[in-house]
Amino acid sequence: MTIKTDYEKPIPLKNQDNHPYWDAADQHELKLQKCTACRSFIHPPGPACPSCGSPETEWELLGSNISATVYSYVVSYRPFLPGFQQ
């Protein structure tokens, strides 16, 4: 594995709400926050469930060999952060 040392794009900041997500991403795994009350997945991660308001959440490891379907995506033509200019 080659480690790129000239990476210029900003790296996401980890905080108390999202660090399990980014720690799993560092390991090439997908871990999502899930509400223990209504069982909804929460993304982006936060301090409480946006569906029911419960602060009781857990993290579910979905794995590293995941098949999924992308239903939509966005292409942003305006760079909002330094490092993303073309």
Protein backbone atom coordinates (compact mmCIF):
# COMPACT_ATOMS: atom_id res chain seq x y z
CA MET A 1 0.00 0.00 0.00
CA THR A 2 1.35 3.42 -0.96
CA ILE A 3 0.75 6.30 1.40
CA LYS A 4 0.22 9.58 -0.40
CA THR A 5 2.06 12.39 1.38
CA ASP A 6 1.08 15.31 -0.86
CA TYR A 7 -2.66 15.12 -0.12
CA GLU A 8 -3.98 18.69 -0.17
CA LYS A 9 -7.72 18.31 0.39
CA PRO A 10 -9.10 18.96 3.89
CA ILE A 11 -9.50 15.89 6.08
CA PRO A 12 -12.80 15.60 8.02
CA LEU A 13 -12.60 16.63 11.66
CA LYS A 14 -13.59 13.96 14.16
CA ASN A 15 -15.80 14.97 17.06
CA GLN A 16 -17.72 13.15 19.80
CA ASP A 17 -20.67 12.50 17.49
CA ASN A 18 -18.88 11.29 14.35
CA HIS A 19 -15.58 9.70 15.45
CA PRO A 20 -16.88 6.08 15.28
CA TYR A 21 -17.95 6.70 11.67
CA TRP A 22 -14.56 8.12 10.65
CA ASP A 23 -12.58 5.55 12.67
CA ALA A 24 -14.42 2.79 10.77
CA ALA A 25 -13.81 4.59 7.46
CA ASP A 26 -10.09 4.66 8.29
CA GLN A 27 -10.33 0.84 8.45
CA HIS A 28 -12.32 0.68 5.14
CA GLU A 29 -15.49 -0.29 7.01
CA LEU A 30 -18.95 1.24 7.25
CA LYS A 31 -20.35 1.92 10.71
CA LEU A 32 -23.57 3.92 11.07
CA GLN A 33 -25.29 5.41 14.07
CA LYS A 34 -28.68 3.88 14.86
CA CYS A 35 -31.45 4.97 17.21
CA THR A 36 -32.18 2.37 19.88
CA ALA A 37 -35.77 3.65 20.26
CA CYS A 38 -37.10 3.73 16.67
CA ARG A 39 -34.24 1.72 15.01
CA SER A 40 -33.68 4.40 12.30
CA PHE A 41 -30.21 4.92 10.94
CA ILE A 42 -28.84 8.40 11.64
CA HIS A 43 -26.59 10.10 9.10
CA PRO A 44 -24.90 12.42 9.51
CA PRO A 45 -24.28 11.29 13.10
CA GLY A 46 -25.55 13.52 15.85
CA PRO A 47 -26.39 13.71 19.54
CA ALA A 48 -30.00 12.55 19.06
CA CYS A 49 -32.27 10.82 16.54
CA PRO A 50 -33.78 13.29 14.05
CA SER A 51 -36.78 10.95 13.55
CA CYS A 52 -37.99 10.53 17.15
CA GLY A 53 -35.71 12.80 19.20
CA SER A 54 -34.29 10.04 21.39
CA PRO A 55 -30.73 10.61 22.64
CA GLU A 56 -30.23 6.83 22.95
CA THR A 57 -28.10 5.71 20.02
CA GLU A 58 -25.69 2.91 19.17
CA TRP A 59 -23.24 2.18 16.37
CA GLU A 60 -23.85 -0.67 13.94
CA LEU A 61 -20.98 -2.09 11.91
CA LEU A 62 -22.29 -2.89 8.44
CA GLY A 63 -18.99 -4.36 7.30
CA SER A 64 -16.41 -3.81 4.62
CA ASN A 65 -17.78 -5.92 1.74
CA ILE A 66 -21.07 -4.16 1.16
CA SER A 67 -23.19 -4.16 -1.98
CA ALA A 68 -25.46 -1.19 -2.44
CA THR A 69 -27.38 0.78 -5.04
CA VAL A 70 -26.75 4.51 -5.48
CA TYR A 71 -30.09 6.18 -6.21
CA SER A 72 -28.88 9.74 -6.44
CA TYR A 73 -25.76 11.87 -6.23
CA VAL A 74 -24.71 15.51 -6.45
CA VAL A 75 -21.93 17.05 -8.50
CA SER A 76 -20.91 20.37 -6.99
CA TYR A 77 -19.32 22.78 -9.45
CA ARG A 78 -18.57 25.43 -6.83
CA PRO A 79 -15.68 24.65 -4.48
CA PHE A 80 -16.83 25.53 -0.97
CA LEU A 81 -13.58 24.67 0.80
CA PRO A 82 -9.93 25.41 0.06
CA GLY A 83 -8.25 22.44 -1.57
CA PHE A 84 -11.21 21.57 -3.78
CA GLN A 85 -10.55 24.14 -6.52
CA GLN A 86 -9.90 22.65 -9.95
